[in-house]
Amino acid sequence: MGEKLAIVCTHGPEDPERATIPFVLATAAQASDVEVVMGFQVNGMMLAKKGCAEHVFAAGFPPLKELIDAYVEAGGELYLCGPCVSSRRMDPGSDFIKGSKVVNAVTFVKVFTEATNVLNY
């Protein structure tokens, strides 16, 4: 079994640095042949909203939009917390970027227990 990294993002556009660093790590892991699964809970799921990443910039880091595009182009998926999506009255079919998938708690538990390491931002 190869290495598998799960990254949980709970911060959204209100905290550009904490929103960006998980994608820096995810793309670095992908480049190192480490399987990556990214989960988005609380306000972190807003990063998958169409048009959001274009406005998030953290000093010293590549633009968030570029990092997200690289992550998705390398086969990465964005697992979004179903209740978080529902509570914000967002439409899973049209409000989110390519690679987004609304999941439930059981899916998150499976991802976390199968991962070699889990990081939380």
N, C-alpha and C. Protein backbone atom coordinates (compact mmCIF):
# COMPACT_ATOMS: atom_id res chain seq x y z
N MET A 1 0.84 -1.19 0.00
CA MET A 1 0.00 0.00 0.00
C MET A 1 0.88 1.25 0.00
N GLY A 2 0.59 2.19 -0.89
CA GLY A 2 1.34 3.43 -0.93
C GLY A 2 0.85 4.42 0.10
N GLU A 3 1.54 5.53 0.18
CA GLU A 3 1.14 6.56 1.13
C GLU A 3 -0.11 7.28 0.66
N LYS A 4 -0.98 7.61 1.61
CA LYS A 4 -2.21 8.32 1.32
C LYS A 4 -2.36 9.43 2.34
N LEU A 5 -2.50 10.66 1.86
CA LEU A 5 -2.62 11.84 2.71
C LEU A 5 -4.03 12.39 2.60
N ALA A 6 -4.67 12.57 3.74
CA ALA A 6 -5.98 13.23 3.80
C ALA A 6 -5.76 14.61 4.39
N ILE A 7 -6.29 15.62 3.71
CA ILE A 7 -6.16 17.00 4.18
C ILE A 7 -7.57 17.55 4.38
N VAL A 8 -7.84 18.03 5.59
CA VAL A 8 -9.15 18.59 5.92
C VAL A 8 -9.02 20.10 5.98
N CYS A 9 -9.82 20.78 5.21
CA CYS A 9 -9.79 22.25 5.17
C CYS A 9 -11.06 22.78 5.85
N THR A 10 -10.87 23.55 6.90
CA THR A 10 -12.02 24.13 7.60
C THR A 10 -12.04 25.66 7.50
N HIS A 11 -11.02 26.23 6.88
CA HIS A 11 -10.96 27.69 6.72
C HIS A 11 -11.19 28.04 5.25
N GLY A 12 -11.92 29.09 5.04
CA GLY A 12 -12.25 29.51 3.69
C GLY A 12 -11.57 30.80 3.30
N PRO A 13 -12.20 31.57 2.44
CA PRO A 13 -11.59 32.78 1.90
C PRO A 13 -11.30 33.85 2.95
N GLU A 14 -11.90 33.73 4.12
CA GLU A 14 -11.66 34.72 5.18
C GLU A 14 -10.26 34.60 5.77
N ASP A 15 -9.58 33.48 5.50
CA ASP A 15 -8.22 33.25 6.00
C ASP A 15 -7.36 32.73 4.85
N PRO A 16 -6.89 33.62 3.98
CA PRO A 16 -6.20 33.20 2.76
C PRO A 16 -5.01 32.25 2.97
N GLU A 17 -4.25 32.46 4.03
CA GLU A 17 -3.09 31.60 4.26
C GLU A 17 -3.53 30.17 4.60
N ARG A 18 -4.47 30.03 5.52
CA ARG A 18 -4.96 28.69 5.88
C ARG A 18 -5.77 28.06 4.76
N ALA A 19 -6.27 28.84 3.84
CA ALA A 19 -6.97 28.29 2.68
C ALA A 19 -5.98 27.81 1.62
N THR A 20 -4.84 28.45 1.53
CA THR A 20 -3.86 28.16 0.48
C THR A 20 -2.90 27.03 0.84
N ILE A 21 -2.41 27.01 2.06
CA ILE A 21 -1.40 26.02 2.45
C ILE A 21 -1.85 24.58 2.19
N PRO A 22 -3.09 24.21 2.46
CA PRO A 22 -3.48 22.82 2.17
C PRO A 22 -3.29 22.44 0.69
N PHE A 23 -3.52 23.39 -0.20
CA PHE A 23 -3.34 23.10 -1.62
C PHE A 23 -1.87 23.06 -2.01
N VAL A 24 -1.04 23.84 -1.34
CA VAL A 24 0.41 23.75 -1.56
C VAL A 24 0.87 22.35 -1.18
N LEU A 25 0.44 21.87 -0.03
CA LEU A 25 0.83 20.53 0.42
C LEU A 25 0.24 19.45 -0.48
N ALA A 26 -1.00 19.62 -0.90
CA ALA A 26 -1.64 18.61 -1.75
C ALA A 26 -0.92 18.47 -3.09
N THR A 27 -0.59 19.58 -3.71
CA THR A 27 0.09 19.50 -5.01
C THR A 27 1.51 18.98 -4.86
N ALA A 28 2.18 19.32 -3.75
CA ALA A 28 3.52 18.78 -3.49
C ALA A 28 3.44 17.26 -3.28
N ALA A 29 2.42 16.81 -2.57
CA ALA A 29 2.24 15.37 -2.35
C ALA A 29 1.97 14.65 -3.67
N GLN A 30 1.10 15.23 -4.50
CA GLN A 30 0.83 14.63 -5.80
C GLN A 30 2.12 14.50 -6.62
N ALA A 31 2.94 15.55 -6.59
CA ALA A 31 4.20 15.53 -7.34
C ALA A 31 5.17 14.49 -6.78
N SER A 32 4.95 14.07 -5.54
CA SER A 32 5.80 13.07 -4.88
C SER A 32 5.16 11.68 -4.92
N ASP A 33 4.16 11.51 -5.77
CA ASP A 33 3.46 10.23 -5.92
C ASP A 33 2.75 9.77 -4.66
N VAL A 34 2.28 10.71 -3.86
CA VAL A 34 1.48 10.39 -2.69
C VAL A 34 0.02 10.64 -3.06
N GLU A 35 -0.84 9.66 -2.80
CA GLU A 35 -2.27 9.84 -3.05
C GLU A 35 -2.81 10.87 -2.07
N VAL A 36 -3.63 11.78 -2.56
CA VAL A 36 -4.18 12.85 -1.73
C VAL A 36 -5.70 12.89 -1.86
N VAL A 37 -6.35 13.03 -0.72
CA VAL A 37 -7.79 13.27 -0.68
C VAL A 37 -7.99 14.53 0.15
N MET A 38 -8.72 15.48 -0.39
CA MET A 38 -8.98 16.71 0.34
C MET A 38 -10.45 16.78 0.72
N GLY A 39 -10.69 17.06 2.01
CA GLY A 39 -12.04 17.22 2.53
C GLY A 39 -12.26 18.65 2.97
N PHE A 40 -13.45 19.15 2.75
CA PHE A 40 -13.77 20.54 3.07
C PHE A 40 -14.99 20.57 3.98
N GLN A 41 -14.80 21.14 5.17
CA GLN A 41 -15.86 21.25 6.15
C GLN A 41 -15.94 22.69 6.64
N VAL A 42 -17.02 22.98 7.31
CA VAL A 42 -17.29 24.31 7.84
C VAL A 42 -17.14 25.31 6.68
N ASN A 43 -16.46 26.43 6.90
CA ASN A 43 -16.34 27.45 5.85
C ASN A 43 -15.32 27.07 4.77
N GLY A 44 -14.55 26.03 5.01
CA GLY A 44 -13.60 25.58 4.00
C GLY A 44 -14.26 25.17 2.70
N MET A 45 -15.49 24.68 2.79
CA MET A 45 -16.17 24.24 1.57
C MET A 45 -16.44 25.40 0.60
N MET A 46 -16.38 26.62 1.09
CA MET A 46 -16.57 27.78 0.21
C MET A 46 -15.46 27.90 -0.83
N LEU A 47 -14.29 27.29 -0.56
CA LEU A 47 -13.19 27.35 -1.52
C LEU A 47 -13.53 26.64 -2.82
N ALA A 48 -14.48 25.72 -2.77
CA ALA A 48 -14.89 24.99 -3.97
C ALA A 48 -16.02 25.69 -4.72
N LYS A 49 -16.49 26.80 -4.19
CA LYS A 49 -17.56 27.55 -4.86
C LYS A 49 -17.00 28.22 -6.11
N LYS A 50 -17.72 28.11 -7.20
CA LYS A 50 -17.29 28.75 -8.45
C LYS A 50 -17.02 30.23 -8.22
N GLY A 51 -15.85 30.69 -8.67
CA GLY A 51 -15.50 32.10 -8.59
C GLY A 51 -14.82 32.52 -7.30
N CYS A 52 -14.84 31.71 -6.28
CA CYS A 52 -14.27 32.09 -4.98
C CYS A 52 -12.74 32.17 -5.04
N ALA A 53 -12.09 31.14 -5.53
CA ALA A 53 -10.62 31.06 -5.47
C ALA A 53 -9.93 32.20 -6.22
N GLU A 54 -10.60 32.76 -7.20
CA GLU A 54 -10.02 33.85 -7.97
C GLU A 54 -9.75 35.09 -7.12
N HIS A 55 -10.33 35.13 -5.92
CA HIS A 55 -10.22 36.30 -5.04
C HIS A 55 -9.43 36.01 -3.76
N VAL A 56 -8.77 34.86 -3.71
CA VAL A 56 -8.03 34.47 -2.51
C VAL A 56 -6.54 34.46 -2.82
N PHE A 57 -5.81 35.32 -2.13
CA PHE A 57 -4.37 35.42 -2.33
C PHE A 57 -3.67 35.50 -0.97
N ALA A 58 -2.66 34.67 -0.78
CA ALA A 58 -1.86 34.70 0.45
C ALA A 58 -0.45 35.11 0.08
N ALA A 59 0.09 36.07 0.78
CA ALA A 59 1.43 36.58 0.50
C ALA A 59 2.46 35.44 0.52
N GLY A 60 3.30 35.42 -0.50
CA GLY A 60 4.37 34.44 -0.57
C GLY A 60 3.99 33.11 -1.18
N PHE A 61 2.73 32.94 -1.58
CA PHE A 61 2.25 31.69 -2.15
C PHE A 61 1.69 31.93 -3.55
N PRO A 62 1.66 30.87 -4.37
CA PRO A 62 1.00 31.01 -5.67
C PRO A 62 -0.48 31.32 -5.46
N PRO A 63 -1.13 31.92 -6.46
CA PRO A 63 -2.56 32.19 -6.34
C PRO A 63 -3.35 30.90 -6.09
N LEU A 64 -4.34 30.96 -5.23
CA LEU A 64 -5.13 29.78 -4.88
C LEU A 64 -5.76 29.13 -6.11
N LYS A 65 -6.25 29.92 -7.02
CA LYS A 65 -6.89 29.38 -8.24
C LYS A 65 -5.93 28.48 -8.99
N GLU A 66 -4.67 28.90 -9.12
CA GLU A 66 -3.66 28.08 -9.83
C GLU A 66 -3.42 26.77 -9.10
N LEU A 67 -3.36 26.81 -7.78
CA LEU A 67 -3.13 25.59 -6.99
C LEU A 67 -4.31 24.63 -7.10
N ILE A 68 -5.52 25.16 -7.02
CA ILE A 68 -6.70 24.30 -7.14
C ILE A 68 -6.75 23.67 -8.52
N ASP A 69 -6.50 24.47 -9.56
CA ASP A 69 -6.51 23.92 -10.93
C ASP A 69 -5.48 22.81 -11.08
N ALA A 70 -4.28 23.01 -10.54
CA ALA A 70 -3.23 21.99 -10.63
C ALA A 70 -3.64 20.73 -9.90
N TYR A 71 -4.23 20.88 -8.71
CA TYR A 71 -4.67 19.74 -7.92
C TYR A 71 -5.72 18.92 -8.68
N VAL A 72 -6.71 19.60 -9.22
CA VAL A 72 -7.79 18.91 -9.94
C VAL A 72 -7.27 18.29 -11.23
N GLU A 73 -6.42 19.01 -11.96
CA GLU A 73 -5.86 18.48 -13.21
C GLU A 73 -5.03 17.22 -12.98
N ALA A 74 -4.46 17.09 -11.79
CA ALA A 74 -3.67 15.90 -11.45
C ALA A 74 -4.56 14.78 -10.90
N GLY A 75 -5.86 14.95 -11.00
CA GLY A 75 -6.80 13.91 -10.59
C GLY A 75 -7.38 14.08 -9.20
N GLY A 76 -7.07 15.18 -8.54
CA GLY A 76 -7.57 15.42 -7.19
C GLY A 76 -9.06 15.73 -7.16
N GLU A 77 -9.70 15.28 -6.09
CA GLU A 77 -11.11 15.57 -5.87
C GLU A 77 -11.26 16.40 -4.60
N LEU A 78 -12.34 17.17 -4.55
CA LEU A 78 -12.66 17.99 -3.39
C LEU A 78 -13.93 17.42 -2.77
N TYR A 79 -13.79 16.78 -1.61
CA TYR A 79 -14.93 16.20 -0.91
C TYR A 79 -15.54 17.27 -0.01
N LEU A 80 -16.79 17.60 -0.29
CA LEU A 80 -17.48 18.66 0.45
C LEU A 80 -18.46 18.08 1.45
N CYS A 81 -18.46 18.61 2.65
CA CYS A 81 -19.35 18.19 3.72
C CYS A 81 -20.81 18.46 3.31
N GLY A 82 -21.61 17.40 3.21
CA GLY A 82 -23.00 17.54 2.80
C GLY A 82 -23.80 18.50 3.67
N PRO A 83 -23.77 18.35 5.00
CA PRO A 83 -24.52 19.29 5.84
C PRO A 83 -24.03 20.73 5.71
N CYS A 84 -22.73 20.93 5.49
CA CYS A 84 -22.18 22.28 5.32
C CYS A 84 -22.72 22.92 4.04
N VAL A 85 -22.83 22.11 2.99
CA VAL A 85 -23.39 22.59 1.72
C VAL A 85 -24.86 22.93 1.90
N SER A 86 -25.60 22.03 2.55
CA SER A 86 -27.04 22.24 2.76
C SER A 86 -27.32 23.47 3.61
N SER A 87 -26.55 23.64 4.68
CA SER A 87 -26.82 24.77 5.58
C SER A 87 -26.58 26.12 4.91
N ARG A 88 -25.79 26.10 3.85
CA ARG A 88 -25.53 27.33 3.10
C ARG A 88 -26.43 27.45 1.88
N ARG A 89 -27.35 26.51 1.76
CA ARG A 89 -28.33 26.49 0.66
C ARG A 89 -27.67 26.56 -0.71
N MET A 90 -26.60 25.78 -0.86
CA MET A 90 -25.88 25.75 -2.13
C MET A 90 -26.32 24.55 -2.94
N ASP A 91 -26.25 24.67 -4.25
CA ASP A 91 -26.67 23.60 -5.16
C ASP A 91 -25.46 22.78 -5.57
N PRO A 92 -25.41 21.51 -5.13
CA PRO A 92 -24.26 20.66 -5.46
C PRO A 92 -24.06 20.48 -6.96
N GLY A 93 -25.12 20.64 -7.74
CA GLY A 93 -25.04 20.43 -9.18
C GLY A 93 -24.52 21.61 -9.97
N SER A 94 -24.54 22.82 -9.39
CA SER A 94 -24.16 23.97 -10.21
C SER A 94 -23.29 25.01 -9.49
N ASP A 95 -23.19 24.96 -8.19
CA ASP A 95 -22.47 26.01 -7.46
C ASP A 95 -20.97 25.75 -7.29
N PHE A 96 -20.50 24.55 -7.62
CA PHE A 96 -19.13 24.18 -7.29
C PHE A 96 -18.27 23.89 -8.53
N ILE A 97 -16.97 24.00 -8.34
CA ILE A 97 -16.02 23.80 -9.42
C ILE A 97 -15.88 22.31 -9.77
N LYS A 98 -15.27 22.07 -10.90
CA LYS A 98 -14.97 20.72 -11.35
C LYS A 98 -14.15 20.00 -10.27
N GLY A 99 -14.44 18.73 -10.07
CA GLY A 99 -13.71 17.95 -9.09
C GLY A 99 -14.37 17.90 -7.72
N SER A 100 -15.43 18.69 -7.54
CA SER A 100 -16.13 18.74 -6.25
C SER A 100 -17.14 17.60 -6.15
N LYS A 101 -17.24 17.05 -4.95
CA LYS A 101 -18.18 15.97 -4.71
C LYS A 101 -18.72 16.13 -3.29
N VAL A 102 -20.03 16.22 -3.16
CA VAL A 102 -20.66 16.33 -1.85
C VAL A 102 -20.73 14.93 -1.23
N VAL A 103 -20.22 14.81 0.00
CA VAL A 103 -20.16 13.51 0.67
C VAL A 103 -20.73 13.61 2.08
N ASN A 104 -20.90 12.44 2.71
CA ASN A 104 -21.44 12.40 4.06
C ASN A 104 -20.35 12.03 5.07
N ALA A 105 -20.73 11.96 6.33
CA ALA A 105 -19.77 11.66 7.40
C ALA A 105 -19.13 10.29 7.23
N VAL A 106 -19.88 9.32 6.76
CA VAL A 106 -19.33 7.98 6.57
C VAL A 106 -18.17 8.01 5.58
N THR A 107 -18.30 8.78 4.53
CA THR A 107 -17.22 8.91 3.55
C THR A 107 -15.99 9.54 4.19
N PHE A 108 -16.19 10.59 4.99
CA PHE A 108 -15.05 11.21 5.66
C PHE A 108 -14.36 10.23 6.61
N VAL A 109 -15.12 9.49 7.36
CA VAL A 109 -14.52 8.52 8.29
C VAL A 109 -13.70 7.49 7.52
N LYS A 110 -14.23 7.01 6.41
CA LYS A 110 -13.51 6.04 5.58
C LYS A 110 -12.20 6.64 5.05
N VAL A 111 -12.25 7.86 4.55
CA VAL A 111 -11.05 8.54 4.05
C VAL A 111 -10.01 8.68 5.16
N PHE A 112 -10.44 9.12 6.32
CA PHE A 112 -9.51 9.35 7.42
C PHE A 112 -8.88 8.06 7.94
N THR A 113 -9.68 7.01 8.04
CA THR A 113 -9.14 5.76 8.58
C THR A 113 -8.24 5.03 7.58
N GLU A 114 -8.43 5.30 6.29
CA GLU A 114 -7.58 4.67 5.27
C GLU A 114 -6.29 5.45 5.02
N ALA A 115 -6.23 6.70 5.47
CA ALA A 115 -5.08 7.55 5.19
C ALA A 115 -3.88 7.16 6.05
N THR A 116 -2.70 7.35 5.48
CA THR A 116 -1.46 7.18 6.23
C THR A 116 -1.33 8.32 7.22
N ASN A 117 -1.69 9.53 6.78
CA ASN A 117 -1.63 10.72 7.62
C ASN A 117 -2.83 11.62 7.31
N VAL A 118 -3.29 12.34 8.34
CA VAL A 118 -4.39 13.29 8.18
C VAL A 118 -3.92 14.63 8.71
N LEU A 119 -4.07 15.66 7.88
CA LEU A 119 -3.72 17.04 8.27
C LEU A 119 -5.00 17.85 8.33
N ASN A 120 -5.07 18.76 9.28
CA ASN A 120 -6.24 19.60 9.42
C ASN A 120 -5.84 21.07 9.40
N TYR A 121 -6.48 21.83 8.52
CA TYR A 121 -6.25 23.27 8.42
C TYR A 121 -7.54 24.01 8.60
